[in-house]
Amino acid sequence: MFDKFKPNRFWYAVAVLVGSTVGVGIYGMPFAFQKAGFGVGLLFLLGVVGLVLLSNLLYGEVVLRTHERHQFVGYVKKYLGPWAQKFNLFLFWVAVYGALVGVIIISGDFLTNILSPYFNFSPFAFSTIFLIAASILVLKGLRTVSRFDFFMMLLLGFVVLLIALLGAKRVDLANYALGVKDFWFLPFGVVLFAMNSMPGIPLVREALIGSENKFKKALVMGTIIPAVLYLIFTVFVVGISGDFTSPDAISGLLGYLGPKIVFIGSLFGFLTSSTIFLNLATSLKESLHQDFHFKYWWAWLLAILPPYLLFFSGIRNFIDIIGLVGGVAISLEAILLVFVYISAKRNGDRIPEYSIRLPHPVLYLMMLIFAAGAAYTLFIK
């Protein structure tokens, strides 16, 4: 069945990047926009998407300038040395654990929306049940098959379109506050978390082997498509639910669009978050087992137990978690990327199919923006 609808190589590559980008971050964006003021959120979206697109193109050039295949931690080691690699691993663990905590939180919310008519459990209980089931799958080494990325991209587009069509008459223009509110900086980390697509970029190259001349175009399309979907989703959710916009975006639509659309949106959200949890936890478990030589059971426990302990201890604010991970860990990783890019321009061992010719002051400005964003998120926000 899937062969009949198999996309061509370029669109498969685009779908890989879209699938690596789109995750639970999309559900935090309407709440962040509503709290900051829609106009402020829109400016952050445009600015962050521009930075992410430029970062993706820089990373793509690093990949093309390197003959050997690596993930980002491998490129950091090759071009910046072992100390930078250790720092990058620390950022990776912070980002992964933060993302896992965020998924545990929002999965409980989605399951509450889906199953509350049948089971009188709290979101905490649903989150715990989800973690138990997911941890068993991680122990067995379950992986998501990447060829379904194309169909997940179409499904996301369908859900967003469904909300837009059913909610168009419910949109209230008064909900689009253009003024700056108290939480004006909140969208920075949330949007950066939602737009982070670095893990997917090496996979795009694998999908385009023999057609690397299409790599740049695939990166541009694969970055813009999630941004457009995010914008449409956010415009309609905020326009419909206004001050009642919920942190998971979907629950707040109940009084406006009814239980059916909430069920569909929550089901898709749960499937998305489950896939992300399984991929992240499995990757972390294998990294601990293979790269750091932990025994298999210990690697599994270290992948599963710390995020649940953080959740159990009371860290259950989904927006704060993804804002912190995006604003700090991903910002610092983007700074590392610029250093990797500068080194790869000098020391790469392959002629790339494209080259981004940016003067060094522009690169330094990028690093300054990410550094300022990380500092504000960590110390002032």
Protein backbone atom coordinates (compact mmCIF):
# COMPACT_ATOMS: atom_id res chain seq x y z
CA MET A 1 0.00 0.00 0.00
CA PHE A 2 2.78 2.42 0.94
CA ASP A 3 4.73 1.73 -2.28
CA LYS A 4 1.76 2.98 -4.32
CA PHE A 5 1.96 6.38 -2.61
CA LYS A 6 5.74 6.50 -2.22
CA PRO A 7 6.99 10.08 -2.63
CA ASN A 8 9.97 10.89 -4.81
CA ARG A 9 13.39 11.19 -3.22
CA PHE A 10 13.27 14.96 -2.76
CA TRP A 11 9.91 14.98 -0.97
CA TYR A 12 10.92 11.99 1.10
CA ALA A 13 13.97 14.00 2.23
CA VAL A 14 11.76 17.01 3.00
CA ALA A 15 9.42 14.77 4.98
CA VAL A 16 12.34 13.39 6.99
CA LEU A 17 13.27 16.91 8.08
CA VAL A 18 9.64 17.86 8.78
CA GLY A 19 9.22 14.65 10.78
CA SER A 20 12.39 15.46 12.75
CA THR A 21 11.13 18.97 13.45
CA VAL A 22 7.45 18.66 14.26
CA GLY A 23 6.80 17.46 17.77
CA VAL A 24 5.16 18.45 21.01
CA GLY A 25 6.49 22.01 20.66
CA ILE A 26 3.64 22.86 18.30
CA TYR A 27 1.16 22.49 21.15
CA GLY A 28 2.98 25.01 23.33
CA MET A 29 3.05 27.79 20.75
CA PRO A 30 -0.57 29.07 21.00
CA PHE A 31 -0.27 29.42 24.78
CA ALA A 32 3.07 31.24 24.46
CA PHE A 33 1.67 33.60 21.80
CA GLN A 34 -1.41 34.35 23.89
CA LYS A 35 0.64 35.08 27.01
CA ALA A 36 3.17 37.29 25.21
CA GLY A 37 0.73 39.06 22.92
CA PHE A 38 0.04 37.66 19.45
CA GLY A 39 1.99 40.38 17.67
CA VAL A 40 5.04 39.75 19.86
CA GLY A 41 4.75 36.01 19.29
CA LEU A 42 4.56 36.53 15.53
CA LEU A 43 7.75 38.62 15.57
CA PHE A 44 9.54 35.93 17.55
CA LEU A 45 8.32 33.27 15.13
CA LEU A 46 9.65 35.18 12.12
CA GLY A 47 12.97 35.91 13.82
CA VAL A 48 13.54 32.42 15.20
CA VAL A 49 12.53 30.72 11.94
CA GLY A 50 15.04 32.92 10.11
CA LEU A 51 17.78 31.95 12.58
CA VAL A 52 16.88 28.28 12.41
CA LEU A 53 16.83 28.29 8.61
CA LEU A 54 20.26 29.89 8.51
CA SER A 55 21.54 27.44 11.14
CA ASN A 56 20.17 24.49 9.17
CA LEU A 57 21.91 25.70 6.01
CA LEU A 58 25.18 26.12 7.92
CA TYR A 59 24.86 22.61 9.35
CA GLY A 60 23.99 21.25 5.91
CA GLU A 61 27.19 22.74 4.52
CA VAL A 62 29.17 21.16 7.37
CA VAL A 63 27.65 17.79 6.48
CA LEU A 64 28.52 18.25 2.81
CA ARG A 65 32.08 19.37 3.60
CA THR A 66 32.72 16.17 5.53
CA HIS A 67 33.33 12.87 3.76
CA GLU A 68 32.54 10.67 6.79
CA ARG A 69 29.00 10.41 8.11
CA HIS A 70 28.42 11.73 11.64
CA GLN A 71 25.74 13.02 13.96
CA PHE A 72 26.26 16.50 15.40
CA VAL A 73 28.33 15.25 18.33
CA GLY A 74 30.69 13.61 15.81
CA TYR A 75 31.11 16.84 13.84
CA VAL A 76 31.81 18.73 17.07
CA LYS A 77 34.55 16.23 17.98
CA LYS A 78 36.06 16.29 14.49
CA TYR A 79 36.21 20.07 14.12
CA LEU A 80 36.40 21.37 17.71
CA GLY A 81 38.01 18.57 19.70
CA PRO A 82 37.07 16.35 22.67
CA TRP A 83 36.35 19.14 25.19
CA ALA A 84 33.76 20.69 22.92
CA GLN A 85 32.36 17.21 22.37
CA LYS A 86 31.90 16.74 26.12
CA PHE A 87 30.14 20.09 26.40
CA ASN A 88 27.90 19.14 23.49
CA LEU A 89 27.06 15.82 25.13
CA PHE A 90 26.05 17.71 28.29
CA LEU A 91 23.76 19.96 26.24
CA PHE A 92 22.38 16.89 24.47
CA TRP A 93 21.51 15.21 27.76
CA VAL A 94 19.90 18.36 29.13
CA ALA A 95 17.84 18.76 25.97
CA VAL A 96 16.83 15.08 25.85
CA TYR A 97 15.89 14.85 29.53
CA GLY A 98 13.98 18.13 29.27
CA ALA A 99 12.15 16.94 26.17
CA LEU A 100 11.32 13.62 27.84
CA VAL A 101 9.88 15.40 30.88
CA GLY A 102 7.84 17.62 28.55
CA VAL A 103 6.48 14.58 26.70
CA ILE A 104 5.56 12.84 29.97
CA ILE A 105 3.62 15.93 31.04
CA ILE A 106 1.72 16.53 27.83
CA SER A 107 1.02 12.84 27.17
CA GLY A 108 -0.90 12.76 30.44
CA ASP A 109 -2.92 15.78 29.30
CA PHE A 110 -3.69 14.18 25.94
CA LEU A 111 -4.69 10.87 27.52
CA THR A 112 -6.96 12.78 29.90
CA ASN A 113 -8.72 14.39 26.92
CA ILE A 114 -9.05 11.01 25.19
CA LEU A 115 -9.91 8.65 28.06
CA SER A 116 -11.50 10.77 30.79
CA PRO A 117 -15.05 9.75 29.70
CA TYR A 118 -14.09 6.15 30.48
CA PHE A 119 -11.51 6.36 33.29
CA ASN A 120 -11.55 8.77 36.20
CA PHE A 121 -7.77 9.18 36.41
CA SER A 122 -5.75 12.35 36.98
CA PRO A 123 -3.29 13.64 34.34
CA PHE A 124 -0.50 12.55 36.73
CA ALA A 125 -1.84 8.99 36.74
CA PHE A 126 -2.19 8.94 32.94
CA SER A 127 1.38 10.25 32.60
CA THR A 128 2.63 7.47 34.86
CA ILE A 129 0.72 4.81 32.91
CA PHE A 130 2.14 6.21 29.67
CA LEU A 131 5.69 6.10 31.04
CA ILE A 132 5.35 2.48 32.19
CA ALA A 133 4.09 1.36 28.77
CA ALA A 134 6.66 3.41 26.86
CA SER A 135 9.55 2.24 29.06
CA ILE A 136 8.71 -1.39 28.24
CA LEU A 137 8.84 -0.60 24.52
CA VAL A 138 12.16 1.23 24.98
CA LEU A 139 13.53 -1.81 26.82
CA LYS A 140 12.60 -3.96 23.84
CA GLY A 141 14.33 -1.55 21.47
CA LEU A 142 11.30 -0.36 19.51
CA ARG A 143 12.11 2.16 16.75
CA THR A 144 9.89 4.29 14.60
CA VAL A 145 10.23 3.45 10.91
CA SER A 146 11.30 6.59 9.08
CA ARG A 147 9.34 5.85 5.88
CA PHE A 148 6.17 6.86 7.74
CA ASP A 149 7.45 10.44 8.08
CA PHE A 150 5.81 11.41 4.80
CA PHE A 151 2.42 10.17 5.97
CA MET A 152 2.82 11.77 9.40
CA MET A 153 3.49 15.08 7.62
CA LEU A 154 0.24 14.65 5.64
CA LEU A 155 -1.65 13.70 8.82
CA LEU A 156 -0.41 16.79 10.63
CA GLY A 157 -1.51 18.93 7.71
CA PHE A 158 -4.93 17.27 7.84
CA VAL A 159 -5.37 17.92 11.58
CA VAL A 160 -4.33 21.56 11.24
CA LEU A 161 -6.64 22.00 8.24
CA LEU A 162 -9.51 20.35 10.13
CA ILE A 163 -9.14 22.72 13.08
CA ALA A 164 -8.93 25.67 10.68
CA LEU A 165 -12.06 24.67 8.74
CA LEU A 166 -14.17 23.81 11.78
CA GLY A 167 -12.99 26.80 13.76
CA ALA A 168 -12.98 29.52 11.10
CA LYS A 169 -16.40 30.85 12.15
CA ARG A 170 -15.36 30.79 15.81
CA VAL A 171 -12.34 33.06 15.39
CA ASP A 172 -12.61 36.33 17.31
CA LEU A 173 -10.25 39.05 16.08
CA ALA A 174 -10.22 40.55 19.57
CA ASN A 175 -8.13 37.56 20.69
CA TYR A 176 -5.16 38.74 18.61
CA ALA A 177 -3.62 41.15 21.10
CA LEU A 178 -0.83 43.09 19.41
CA GLY A 179 0.46 44.73 22.58
CA VAL A 180 3.32 43.45 24.70
CA LYS A 181 2.25 41.45 27.75
CA ASP A 182 4.13 40.45 30.89
CA PHE A 183 5.46 37.20 29.40
CA TRP A 184 6.81 38.87 26.25
CA PHE A 185 9.93 36.69 25.99
CA LEU A 186 8.13 33.36 26.44
CA PRO A 187 7.84 32.56 22.70
CA PHE A 188 11.63 32.62 22.14
CA GLY A 189 12.41 29.31 23.85
CA VAL A 190 9.11 27.69 22.91
CA VAL A 191 9.48 28.48 19.19
CA LEU A 192 13.16 27.49 19.18
CA PHE A 193 12.25 24.18 20.83
CA ALA A 194 9.47 23.60 18.29
CA MET A 195 11.67 24.50 15.29
CA ASN A 196 14.76 22.52 16.32
CA SER A 197 15.56 20.15 13.45
CA MET A 198 19.30 19.52 13.76
CA PRO A 199 19.01 15.76 14.43
CA GLY A 200 17.24 15.31 11.11
CA ILE A 201 19.75 17.08 8.87
CA PRO A 202 22.23 14.17 8.52
CA LEU A 203 19.22 11.96 7.69
CA VAL A 204 18.27 14.32 4.87
CA ARG A 205 21.69 13.77 3.33
CA GLU A 206 21.20 9.99 3.57
CA ALA A 207 17.86 10.33 1.82
CA LEU A 208 19.50 12.33 -0.99
CA ILE A 209 22.59 10.18 -1.65
CA GLY A 210 23.46 10.77 -5.28
CA SER A 211 21.24 13.87 -5.39
CA GLU A 212 23.12 16.13 -2.97
CA ASN A 213 22.52 19.07 -5.33
CA LYS A 214 18.94 19.09 -3.95
CA PHE A 215 20.13 19.22 -0.33
CA LYS A 216 19.87 22.99 0.10
CA LYS A 217 16.38 23.15 -1.39
CA ALA A 218 15.25 20.25 0.83
CA LEU A 219 16.55 22.06 3.93
CA VAL A 220 14.72 25.24 2.98
CA MET A 221 11.44 23.44 2.28
CA GLY A 222 11.78 21.19 5.33
CA THR A 223 12.24 24.25 7.56
CA ILE A 224 9.49 26.41 6.05
CA ILE A 225 6.75 23.73 6.05
CA PRO A 226 6.73 23.25 9.85
CA ALA A 227 6.84 27.03 10.36
CA VAL A 228 3.78 27.50 8.13
CA LEU A 229 1.90 24.67 9.86
CA TYR A 230 2.80 26.11 13.26
CA LEU A 231 1.58 29.55 12.23
CA ILE A 232 -1.75 28.29 10.88
CA PHE A 233 -2.31 26.15 13.96
CA THR A 234 -1.44 29.00 16.32
CA VAL A 235 -3.53 31.59 14.49
CA PHE A 236 -6.67 29.46 14.71
CA VAL A 237 -6.18 28.11 18.25
CA VAL A 238 -5.52 31.59 19.69
CA GLY A 239 -8.27 33.12 17.57
CA ILE A 240 -10.78 30.55 18.80
CA SER A 241 -9.89 30.09 22.47
CA GLY A 242 -8.31 33.48 23.32
CA ASP A 243 -7.68 33.86 27.05
CA PHE A 244 -8.77 30.26 27.54
CA THR A 245 -5.90 28.91 25.41
CA SER A 246 -4.49 25.92 27.30
CA PRO A 247 -0.81 24.90 27.58
CA ASP A 248 -1.54 21.83 25.42
CA ALA A 249 -3.57 23.98 22.94
CA ILE A 250 -6.22 21.28 22.48
CA SER A 251 -8.05 21.24 25.84
CA GLY A 252 -8.99 24.92 25.50
CA LEU A 253 -10.90 24.18 22.28
CA LEU A 254 -13.44 21.94 24.03
CA GLY A 255 -15.99 24.66 24.73
CA TYR A 256 -15.74 26.02 21.17
CA LEU A 257 -15.32 23.05 18.81
CA GLY A 258 -16.76 20.22 20.91
CA PRO A 259 -15.37 16.89 22.08
CA LYS A 260 -14.85 15.29 18.65
CA ILE A 261 -12.21 17.75 17.46
CA VAL A 262 -10.57 17.69 20.90
CA PHE A 263 -10.47 13.88 20.65
CA ILE A 264 -8.90 13.97 17.17
CA GLY A 265 -6.36 16.63 18.11
CA SER A 266 -5.46 14.87 21.36
CA LEU A 267 -5.12 11.50 19.64
CA PHE A 268 -2.75 12.94 17.06
CA GLY A 269 -0.86 14.79 19.80
CA PHE A 270 -0.53 11.60 21.81
CA LEU A 271 0.74 9.63 18.81
CA THR A 272 3.25 12.39 18.03
CA SER A 273 4.49 12.67 21.60
CA SER A 274 4.71 8.88 21.97
CA THR A 275 6.83 8.61 18.84
CA ILE A 276 9.14 11.35 20.08
CA PHE A 277 9.48 9.72 23.51
CA LEU A 278 10.31 6.31 22.03
CA ASN A 279 12.89 7.78 19.63
CA LEU A 280 14.58 10.00 22.20
CA ALA A 281 14.61 7.44 25.01
CA THR A 282 15.82 4.65 22.72
CA SER A 283 18.60 6.86 21.30
CA LEU A 284 19.68 7.90 24.79
CA LYS A 285 19.63 4.30 26.03
CA GLU A 286 21.75 3.11 23.10
CA SER A 287 24.18 6.01 23.51
CA LEU A 288 24.67 5.18 27.20
CA HIS A 289 25.09 1.50 26.38
CA GLN A 290 27.32 1.77 23.30
CA ASP A 291 29.26 5.00 23.79
CA PHE A 292 29.61 5.03 27.58
CA HIS A 293 29.60 1.26 28.15
CA PHE A 294 26.82 1.13 30.73
CA LYS A 295 25.25 -2.28 31.08
CA TYR A 296 22.03 -2.59 29.11
CA TRP A 297 19.69 -2.49 32.12
CA TRP A 298 21.50 0.48 33.66
CA ALA A 299 21.38 2.33 30.33
CA TRP A 300 17.64 1.70 30.17
CA LEU A 301 17.10 2.91 33.74
CA LEU A 302 19.20 6.04 33.18
CA ALA A 303 17.15 6.86 30.09
CA ILE A 304 13.77 6.37 31.79
CA LEU A 305 14.12 7.04 35.52
CA PRO A 306 15.61 10.59 35.75
CA PRO A 307 12.88 12.31 33.66
CA TYR A 308 10.17 10.55 35.65
CA LEU A 309 11.80 11.51 38.96
CA LEU A 310 11.89 15.13 37.79
CA PHE A 311 8.23 14.87 36.84
CA PHE A 312 7.36 13.11 40.13
CA SER A 313 9.18 15.80 42.13
CA GLY A 314 6.75 18.42 40.87
CA ILE A 315 8.26 19.68 37.60
CA ARG A 316 5.05 19.57 35.58
CA ASN A 317 4.83 22.89 33.74
CA PHE A 318 5.03 21.94 30.07
CA ILE A 319 5.61 25.48 28.80
CA ASP A 320 8.40 26.21 31.28
CA ILE A 321 10.18 22.96 30.40
CA ILE A 322 10.20 23.42 26.63
CA GLY A 323 10.97 27.14 26.99
CA LEU A 324 14.01 26.38 29.13
CA VAL A 325 15.28 23.60 26.86
CA GLY A 326 14.79 25.71 23.74
CA GLY A 327 16.02 28.99 25.19
CA VAL A 328 19.16 27.58 26.83
CA ALA A 329 20.27 24.15 25.59
CA ILE A 330 19.32 24.59 21.93
CA SER A 331 20.67 28.17 21.87
CA LEU A 332 24.04 27.00 23.19
CA GLU A 333 24.07 24.14 20.69
CA ALA A 334 23.47 26.67 17.90
CA ILE A 335 26.51 28.65 19.10
CA LEU A 336 28.59 25.47 18.92
CA LEU A 337 27.30 24.93 15.39
CA VAL A 338 28.67 28.28 14.24
CA PHE A 339 32.12 27.36 15.58
CA VAL A 340 31.88 23.97 13.86
CA TYR A 341 30.92 25.70 10.60
CA ILE A 342 33.86 28.11 10.76
CA SER A 343 36.26 25.22 11.33
CA ALA A 344 34.68 23.05 8.61
CA LYS A 345 35.12 25.87 6.07
CA ARG A 346 38.86 25.62 6.67
CA ASN A 347 39.35 21.95 7.43
CA GLY A 348 36.61 20.10 5.54
CA ASP A 349 37.70 17.18 3.35
CA ARG A 350 34.98 17.37 0.70
CA ILE A 351 33.79 19.98 -1.80
CA PRO A 352 30.17 20.86 -0.88
CA GLU A 353 27.31 21.12 -3.34
CA TYR A 354 26.48 24.56 -1.94
CA SER A 355 28.23 27.14 0.19
CA ILE A 356 26.73 29.88 2.36
CA ARG A 357 29.03 32.86 2.05
CA LEU A 358 28.41 34.83 5.21
CA PRO A 359 30.88 37.39 6.54
CA HIS A 360 32.18 36.57 10.01
CA PRO A 361 30.42 39.57 11.64
CA VAL A 362 27.06 38.01 10.67
CA LEU A 363 28.10 34.70 12.23
CA TYR A 364 29.21 36.50 15.40
CA LEU A 365 25.88 38.35 15.49
CA MET A 366 24.06 35.00 15.32
CA MET A 367 26.07 33.73 18.27
CA LEU A 368 25.39 36.94 20.19
CA ILE A 369 21.62 36.60 19.65
CA PHE A 370 21.60 32.99 20.81
CA ALA A 371 23.82 33.82 23.80
CA ALA A 372 21.59 36.75 24.81
CA GLY A 373 18.50 34.55 24.46
CA ALA A 374 20.03 31.82 26.62
CA ALA A 375 21.14 34.32 29.28
CA TYR A 376 17.75 36.04 29.41
CA THR A 377 15.91 32.71 29.61
CA LEU A 378 18.16 31.40 32.38
CA PHE A 379 18.75 34.43 34.55
CA ILE A 380 16.06 37.06 33.92
CA LYS A 381 12.89 35.45 32.58
